[in-house]
């Protein structure tokens, strides 16, 4: 499932469950084994990173071209 970050601001600003469901229900992301999530990192220069979630193995794979400058370790909870 390729997930859009389009609805993240709606979640942050307390959009209703009905509105969120209307926008994401057609993706059926919950039925997929792998999620691909683009993430915008606005701090600093602002750039995009990619997170690939493998649900079966509970692994996150992060690609961040600026990773040496700002590690993700502090932002990903165990």
PDB file of N, CA and C in Angstrom:
ATOM      1  N   UNK A   1       0.851  -1.171   0.000  1.00  0.00           N
ATOM      2  CA  UNK A   1       0.000   0.000   0.000  1.00  0.00           C
ATOM      3  C   UNK A   1       0.892   1.227   0.000  1.00  0.00           C
ATOM      4  N   UNK A   2       0.629   2.133  -0.879  1.00  0.00           N
ATOM      5  CA  UNK A   2       1.329   3.420  -0.880  1.00  0.00           C
ATOM      6  C   UNK A   2       0.419   4.407  -0.171  1.00  0.00           C
ATOM      7  N   UNK A   3       0.874   4.898   0.953  1.00  0.00           N
ATOM      8  CA  UNK A   3       0.062   5.795   1.764  1.00  0.00           C
ATOM      9  C   UNK A   3       0.415   7.245   1.469  1.00  0.00           C
ATOM     10  N   UNK A   4      -0.590   8.055   1.409  1.00  0.00           N
ATOM     11  CA  UNK A   4      -0.389   9.481   1.187  1.00  0.00           C
ATOM     12  C   UNK A   4      -0.295  10.194   2.523  1.00  0.00           C
ATOM     13  N   UNK A   5       0.514  11.202   2.578  1.00  0.00           N
ATOM     14  CA  UNK A   5       0.587  12.020   3.794  1.00  0.00           C
ATOM     15  C   UNK A   5      -0.418  13.170   3.731  1.00  0.00           C
ATOM     16  N   UNK A   6      -1.259  13.146   2.724  1.00  0.00           N
ATOM     17  CA  UNK A   6      -2.257  14.202   2.535  1.00  0.00           C
ATOM     18  C   UNK A   6      -3.165  14.358   3.760  1.00  0.00           C
ATOM     19  N   UNK A   7      -3.520  13.268   4.395  1.00  0.00           N
ATOM     20  CA  UNK A   7      -4.456  13.340   5.522  1.00  0.00           C
ATOM     21  C   UNK A   7      -3.795  13.568   6.878  1.00  0.00           C
ATOM     22  N   UNK A   8      -2.474  13.545   6.949  1.00  0.00           N
ATOM     23  CA  UNK A   8      -1.814  13.746   8.238  1.00  0.00           C
ATOM     24  C   UNK A   8      -2.158  15.084   8.888  1.00  0.00           C
ATOM     25  N   UNK A   9      -2.193  16.197   8.144  1.00  0.00           N
ATOM     26  CA  UNK A   9      -2.611  17.448   8.800  1.00  0.00           C
ATOM     27  C   UNK A   9      -4.036  17.375   9.342  1.00  0.00           C
ATOM     28  N   UNK A  10      -4.899  16.646   8.650  1.00  0.00           N
ATOM     29  CA  UNK A  10      -6.274  16.491   9.163  1.00  0.00           C
ATOM     30  C   UNK A  10      -6.273  15.750  10.495  1.00  0.00           C
ATOM     31  N   UNK A  11      -5.428  14.721  10.594  1.00  0.00           N
ATOM     32  CA  UNK A  11      -5.341  13.979  11.851  1.00  0.00           C
ATOM     33  C   UNK A  11      -4.801  14.887  12.948  1.00  0.00           C
ATOM     34  N   UNK A  12      -3.777  15.629  12.614  1.00  0.00           N
ATOM     35  CA  UNK A  12      -3.160  16.522  13.601  1.00  0.00           C
ATOM     36  C   UNK A  12      -4.135  17.565  14.135  1.00  0.00           C
ATOM     37  N   UNK A  13      -5.031  18.041  13.259  1.00  0.00           N
ATOM     38  CA  UNK A  13      -5.967  19.089  13.671  1.00  0.00           C
ATOM     39  C   UNK A  13      -7.362  18.531  13.950  1.00  0.00           C
ATOM     40  N   UNK A  14      -7.393  17.261  14.387  1.00  0.00           N
ATOM     41  CA  UNK A  14      -8.609  16.638  14.915  1.00  0.00           C
ATOM     42  C   UNK A  14      -9.781  16.548  13.946  1.00  0.00           C
ATOM     43  N   UNK A  15      -9.512  16.126  12.736  1.00  0.00           N
ATOM     44  CA  UNK A  15     -10.593  15.883  11.783  1.00  0.00           C
ATOM     45  C   UNK A  15     -11.453  14.737  12.308  1.00  0.00           C
ATOM     46  N   UNK A  16     -12.692  14.730  11.910  1.00  0.00           N
ATOM     47  CA  UNK A  16     -13.599  13.679  12.370  1.00  0.00           C
ATOM     48  C   UNK A  16     -13.206  12.330  11.770  1.00  0.00           C
ATOM     49  N   UNK A  17     -13.561  11.272  12.446  1.00  0.00           N
ATOM     50  CA  UNK A  17     -13.302   9.924  11.941  1.00  0.00           C
ATOM     51  C   UNK A  17     -13.993   9.701  10.601  1.00  0.00           C
ATOM     52  N   UNK A  18     -15.190  10.250  10.456  1.00  0.00           N
ATOM     53  CA  UNK A  18     -15.925  10.103   9.190  1.00  0.00           C
ATOM     54  C   UNK A  18     -15.156  10.711   8.025  1.00  0.00           C
ATOM     55  N   UNK A  19     -14.594  11.890   8.233  1.00  0.00           N
ATOM     56  CA  UNK A  19     -13.836  12.544   7.164  1.00  0.00           C
ATOM     57  C   UNK A  19     -12.592  11.732   6.816  1.00  0.00           C
ATOM     58  N   UNK A  20     -11.877  11.279   7.828  1.00  0.00           N
ATOM     59  CA  UNK A  20     -10.679  10.483   7.578  1.00  0.00           C
ATOM     60  C   UNK A  20     -11.024   9.185   6.871  1.00  0.00           C
ATOM     61  N   UNK A  21     -12.051   8.503   7.326  1.00  0.00           N
ATOM     62  CA  UNK A  21     -12.439   7.230   6.717  1.00  0.00           C
ATOM     63  C   UNK A  21     -12.838   7.419   5.256  1.00  0.00           C
ATOM     64  N   UNK A  22     -13.560   8.484   4.970  1.00  0.00           N
ATOM     65  CA  UNK A  22     -13.977   8.781   3.592  1.00  0.00           C
ATOM     66  C   UNK A  22     -12.761   8.912   2.673  1.00  0.00           C
ATOM     67  N   UNK A  23     -11.685   9.458   3.188  1.00  0.00           N
ATOM     68  CA  UNK A  23     -10.492   9.678   2.366  1.00  0.00           C
ATOM     69  C   UNK A  23      -9.570   8.467   2.276  1.00  0.00           C
ATOM     70  N   UNK A  24      -9.530   7.617   3.294  1.00  0.00           N
ATOM     71  CA  UNK A  24      -8.554   6.525   3.281  1.00  0.00           C
ATOM     72  C   UNK A  24      -9.152   5.133   3.093  1.00  0.00           C
ATOM     73  N   UNK A  25     -10.455   4.995   3.179  1.00  0.00           N
ATOM     74  CA  UNK A  25     -11.053   3.657   3.127  1.00  0.00           C
ATOM     75  C   UNK A  25     -10.775   2.937   1.818  1.00  0.00           C
ATOM     76  N   UNK A  26     -10.710   3.651   0.723  1.00  0.00           N
ATOM     77  CA  UNK A  26     -10.501   2.986  -0.580  1.00  0.00           C
ATOM     78  C   UNK A  26      -9.086   2.415  -0.728  1.00  0.00           C
ATOM     79  N   UNK A  27      -8.144   2.857   0.110  1.00  0.00           N
ATOM     80  CA  UNK A  27      -6.784   2.321   0.003  1.00  0.00           C
ATOM     81  C   UNK A  27      -6.675   0.900   0.546  1.00  0.00           C
ATOM     82  N   UNK A  28      -7.526   0.553   1.508  1.00  0.00           N
ATOM     83  CA  UNK A  28      -7.501  -0.759   2.170  1.00  0.00           C
ATOM     84  C   UNK A  28      -6.092  -1.119   2.649  1.00  0.00           C
ATOM     85  N   UNK A  29      -5.409  -0.119   3.200  1.00  0.00           N
ATOM     86  CA  UNK A  29      -4.030  -0.306   3.636  1.00  0.00           C
ATOM     87  C   UNK A  29      -3.906  -1.407   4.690  1.00  0.00           C
ATOM     88  N   UNK A  30      -4.918  -1.594   5.503  1.00  0.00           N
ATOM     89  CA  UNK A  30      -4.876  -2.594   6.566  1.00  0.00           C
ATOM     90  C   UNK A  30      -4.784  -4.025   6.032  1.00  0.00           C
ATOM     91  N   UNK A  31      -5.080  -4.227   4.762  1.00  0.00           N
ATOM     92  CA  UNK A  31      -5.027  -5.563   4.159  1.00  0.00           C
ATOM     93  C   UNK A  31      -3.695  -5.825   3.446  1.00  0.00           C
ATOM     94  N   UNK A  32      -2.796  -4.869   3.457  1.00  0.00           N
ATOM     95  CA  UNK A  32      -1.520  -4.988   2.749  1.00  0.00           C
ATOM     96  C   UNK A  32      -0.410  -5.406   3.713  1.00  0.00           C
ATOM     97  N   UNK A  33       0.567  -6.140   3.200  1.00  0.00           N
ATOM     98  CA  UNK A  33       1.698  -6.596   4.012  1.00  0.00           C
ATOM     99  C   UNK A  33       2.811  -5.565   4.134  1.00  0.00           C
ATOM    100  N   UNK A  34       2.904  -4.682   3.147  1.00  0.00           N
ATOM    101  CA  UNK A  34       3.967  -3.676   3.117  1.00  0.00           C
ATOM    102  C   UNK A  34       3.325  -2.309   2.888  1.00  0.00           C
ATOM    103  N   UNK A  35       3.749  -1.342   3.693  1.00  0.00           N
ATOM    104  CA  UNK A  35       3.276   0.034   3.517  1.00  0.00           C
ATOM    105  C   UNK A  35       4.458   0.893   3.088  1.00  0.00           C
ATOM    106  N   UNK A  36       4.237   1.760   2.113  1.00  0.00           N
ATOM    107  CA  UNK A  36       5.248   2.710   1.650  1.00  0.00           C
ATOM    108  C   UNK A  36       4.731   4.097   1.996  1.00  0.00           C
ATOM    109  N   UNK A  37       5.493   4.788   2.834  1.00  0.00           N
ATOM    110  CA  UNK A  37       5.025   6.064   3.374  1.00  0.00           C
ATOM    111  C   UNK A  37       6.042   7.166   3.094  1.00  0.00           C
ATOM    112  N   UNK A  38       5.685   8.146   2.251  1.00  0.00           N
ATOM    113  CA  UNK A  38       6.554   9.313   2.100  1.00  0.00           C
ATOM    114  C   UNK A  38       6.346  10.242   3.298  1.00  0.00           C
ATOM    115  N   UNK A  39       7.431  10.795   3.819  1.00  0.00           N
ATOM    116  CA  UNK A  39       7.357  11.671   4.990  1.00  0.00           C
ATOM    117  C   UNK A  39       8.092  12.965   4.677  1.00  0.00           C
ATOM    118  N   UNK A  40       7.398  14.079   4.859  1.00  0.00           N
ATOM    119  CA  UNK A  40       8.039  15.380   4.654  1.00  0.00           C
ATOM    120  C   UNK A  40       8.655  15.837   5.964  1.00  0.00           C
ATOM    121  N   UNK A  41       9.924  16.188   5.909  1.00  0.00           N
ATOM    122  CA  UNK A  41      10.661  16.669   7.078  1.00  0.00           C
ATOM    123  C   UNK A  41      10.847  18.182   6.928  1.00  0.00           C
ATOM    124  N   UNK A  42       9.964  18.983   7.523  1.00  0.00           N
ATOM    125  CA  UNK A  42      10.028  20.425   7.290  1.00  0.00           C
ATOM    126  C   UNK A  42      11.164  21.146   7.997  1.00  0.00           C
ATOM    127  N   UNK A  43      11.710  20.570   9.069  1.00  0.00           N
ATOM    128  CA  UNK A  43      12.754  21.284   9.812  1.00  0.00           C
ATOM    129  C   UNK A  43      14.036  21.382   8.995  1.00  0.00           C
ATOM    130  N   UNK A  44      14.806  22.407   9.290  1.00  0.00           N
ATOM    131  CA  UNK A  44      16.056  22.621   8.553  1.00  0.00           C
ATOM    132  C   UNK A  44      15.762  23.040   7.121  1.00  0.00           C
ATOM    133  N   UNK A  45      16.342  22.325   6.160  1.00  0.00           N
ATOM    134  CA  UNK A  45      16.148  22.682   4.754  1.00  0.00           C
ATOM    135  C   UNK A  45      14.846  22.139   4.197  1.00  0.00           C
ATOM    136  N   UNK A  46      14.241  21.187   4.876  1.00  0.00           N
ATOM    137  CA  UNK A  46      13.006  20.575   4.394  1.00  0.00           C
ATOM    138  C   UNK A  46      13.305  19.595   3.276  1.00  0.00           C
ATOM    139  N   UNK A  47      12.944  18.362   3.469  1.00  0.00           N
ATOM    140  CA  UNK A  47      13.147  17.355   2.434  1.00  0.00           C
ATOM    141  C   UNK A  47      12.217  16.176   2.687  1.00  0.00           C
ATOM    142  N   UNK A  48      12.169  15.268   1.733  1.00  0.00           N
ATOM    143  CA  UNK A  48      11.325  14.088   1.830  1.00  0.00           C
ATOM    144  C   UNK A  48      12.170  12.879   2.161  1.00  0.00           C
ATOM    145  N   UNK A  49      11.617  12.007   2.983  1.00  0.00           N
ATOM    146  CA  UNK A  49      12.237  10.723   3.290  1.00  0.00           C
ATOM    147  C   UNK A  49      11.208   9.633   2.996  1.00  0.00           C
ATOM    148  N   UNK A  50      11.668   8.408   2.966  1.00  0.00           N
ATOM    149  CA  UNK A  50      10.786   7.300   2.643  1.00  0.00           C
ATOM    150  C   UNK A  50      10.852   6.266   3.755  1.00  0.00           C
ATOM    151  N   UNK A  51       9.698   5.802   4.187  1.00  0.00           N
ATOM    152  CA  UNK A  51       9.616   4.739   5.182  1.00  0.00           C
ATOM    153  C   UNK A  51       8.875   3.558   4.553  1.00  0.00           C
ATOM    154  N   UNK A  52       9.476   2.389   4.631  1.00  0.00           N
ATOM    155  CA  UNK A  52       8.827   1.166   4.165  1.00  0.00           C
ATOM    156  C   UNK A  52       8.596   0.301   5.391  1.00  0.00           C
ATOM    157  N   UNK A  53       7.345  -0.035   5.627  1.00  0.00           N
ATOM    158  CA  UNK A  53       6.948  -0.795   6.803  1.00  0.00           C
ATOM    159  C   UNK A  53       6.618  -2.224   6.376  1.00  0.00           C
ATOM    160  N   UNK A  54       7.308  -3.176   6.967  1.00  0.00           N
ATOM    161  CA  UNK A  54       7.028  -4.598   6.744  1.00  0.00           C
ATOM    162  C   UNK A  54       6.273  -5.087   7.980  1.00  0.00           C
ATOM    163  N   UNK A  55       4.978  -5.259   7.843  1.00  0.00           N
ATOM    164  CA  UNK A  55       4.149  -5.576   9.001  1.00  0.00           C
ATOM    165  C   UNK A  55       4.432  -6.956   9.583  1.00  0.00           C
ATOM    166  N   UNK A  56       4.643  -7.939   8.743  1.00  0.00           N
ATOM    167  CA  UNK A  56       4.874  -9.301   9.235  1.00  0.00           C
ATOM    168  C   UNK A  56       6.099  -9.366  10.151  1.00  0.00           C
ATOM    169  N   UNK A  57       7.183  -8.751   9.732  1.00  0.00           N
ATOM    170  CA  UNK A  57       8.421  -8.807  10.516  1.00  0.00           C
ATOM    171  C   UNK A  57       8.569  -7.631  11.486  1.00  0.00           C
ATOM    172  N   UNK A  58       7.609  -6.701  11.451  1.00  0.00           N
ATOM    173  CA  UNK A  58       7.624  -5.516  12.316  1.00  0.00           C
ATOM    174  C   UNK A  58       8.902  -4.708  12.129  1.00  0.00           C
ATOM    175  N   UNK A  59       9.274  -4.506  10.861  1.00  0.00           N
ATOM    176  CA  UNK A  59      10.478  -3.740  10.534  1.00  0.00           C
ATOM    177  C   UNK A  59      10.124  -2.432   9.837  1.00  0.00           C
ATOM    178  N   UNK A  60      10.890  -1.403  10.155  1.00  0.00           N
ATOM    179  CA  UNK A  60      10.830  -0.123   9.456  1.00  0.00           C
ATOM    180  C   UNK A  60      12.124   0.038   8.683  1.00  0.00           C
ATOM    181  N   UNK A  61      12.026   0.360   7.415  1.00  0.00           N
ATOM    182  CA  UNK A  61      13.204   0.669   6.613  1.00  0.00           C
ATOM    183  C   UNK A  61      13.069   2.132   6.210  1.00  0.00           C
ATOM    184  N   UNK A  62      14.033   2.939   6.631  1.00  0.00           N
ATOM    185  CA  UNK A  62      13.988   4.372   6.369  1.00  0.00           C
ATOM    186  C   UNK A  62      15.083   4.757   5.391  1.00  0.00           C
ATOM    187  N   UNK A  63      14.703   5.542   4.390  1.00  0.00           N
ATOM    188  CA  UNK A  63      15.701   6.112   3.495  1.00  0.00           C
ATOM    189  C   UNK A  63      15.660   7.618   3.676  1.00  0.00           C
ATOM    190  N   UNK A  64      16.769   8.159   4.113  1.00  0.00           N
ATOM    191  CA  UNK A  64      16.904   9.593   4.343  1.00  0.00           C
ATOM    192  C   UNK A  64      18.285  10.006   3.840  1.00  0.00           C
ATOM    193  N   UNK A  65      18.311  10.788   2.783  1.00  0.00           N
ATOM    194  CA  UNK A  65      19.600  11.181   2.206  1.00  0.00           C
ATOM    195  C   UNK A  65      20.404  12.080   3.141  1.00  0.00           C
ATOM    196  N   UNK A  66      19.767  12.650   4.170  1.00  0.00           N
ATOM    197  CA  UNK A  66      20.468  13.472   5.149  1.00  0.00           C
ATOM    198  C   UNK A  66      20.715  12.708   6.453  1.00  0.00           C
ATOM    199  N   UNK A  67      20.624  11.405   6.436  1.00  0.00           N
ATOM    200  CA  UNK A  67      20.668  10.596   7.666  1.00  0.00           C
ATOM    201  C   UNK A  67      21.922  10.823   8.486  1.00  0.00           C
ATOM    202  N   UNK A  68      23.045  11.047   7.861  1.00  0.00           N
ATOM    203  CA  UNK A  68      24.260  11.265   8.642  1.00  0.00           C
ATOM    204  C   UNK A  68      24.197  12.565   9.433  1.00  0.00           C
ATOM    205  N   UNK A  69      23.407  13.520   8.943  1.00  0.00           N
ATOM    206  CA  UNK A  69      23.307  14.795   9.632  1.00  0.00           C
ATOM    207  C   UNK A  69      22.304  14.752  10.778  1.00  0.00           C
ATOM    208  N   UNK A  70      21.201  14.044  10.596  1.00  0.00           N
ATOM    209  CA  UNK A  70      20.161  13.966  11.623  1.00  0.00           C
ATOM    210  C   UNK A  70      19.653  12.541  11.728  1.00  0.00           C
ATOM    211  N   UNK A  71      20.201  11.727  12.616  1.00  0.00           N
ATOM    212  CA  UNK A  71      19.762  10.334  12.726  1.00  0.00           C
ATOM    213  C   UNK A  71      18.307  10.216  13.176  1.00  0.00           C
ATOM    214  N   UNK A  72      17.670   9.128  12.776  1.00  0.00           N
ATOM    215  CA  UNK A  72      16.271   8.843  13.110  1.00  0.00           C
ATOM    216  C   UNK A  72      16.123   8.104  14.427  1.00  0.00           C
ATOM    217  N   UNK A  73      17.205   7.627  14.985  1.00  0.00           N
ATOM    218  CA  UNK A  73      17.119   6.759  16.146  1.00  0.00           C
ATOM    219  C   UNK A  73      16.247   7.357  17.256  1.00  0.00           C
ATOM    220  N   UNK A  74      16.348   8.629  17.492  1.00  0.00           N
ATOM    221  CA  UNK A  74      15.573   9.250  18.558  1.00  0.00           C
ATOM    222  C   UNK A  74      14.095   9.419  18.206  1.00  0.00           C
ATOM    223  N   UNK A  75      13.742   9.257  16.930  1.00  0.00           N
ATOM    224  CA  UNK A  75      12.364   9.474  16.520  1.00  0.00           C
ATOM    225  C   UNK A  75      11.575   8.184  16.291  1.00  0.00           C
ATOM    226  N   UNK A  76      12.249   7.054  16.264  1.00  0.00           N
ATOM    227  CA  UNK A  76      11.571   5.772  16.053  1.00  0.00           C
ATOM    228  C   UNK A  76      11.554   5.024  17.372  1.00  0.00           C
ATOM    229  N   UNK A  77      10.361   4.807  17.902  1.00  0.00           N
ATOM    230  CA  UNK A  77      10.239   4.105  19.175  1.00  0.00           C
ATOM    231  C   UNK A  77      10.363   2.603  18.950  1.00  0.00           C
ATOM    232  N   UNK A  78      10.904   1.928  19.906  1.00  0.00           N
ATOM    233  CA  UNK A  78      11.093   0.469  19.822  1.00  0.00           C
ATOM    234  C   UNK A  78       9.736  -0.209  19.812  1.00  0.00           C
TER     235      UNK A  78
END
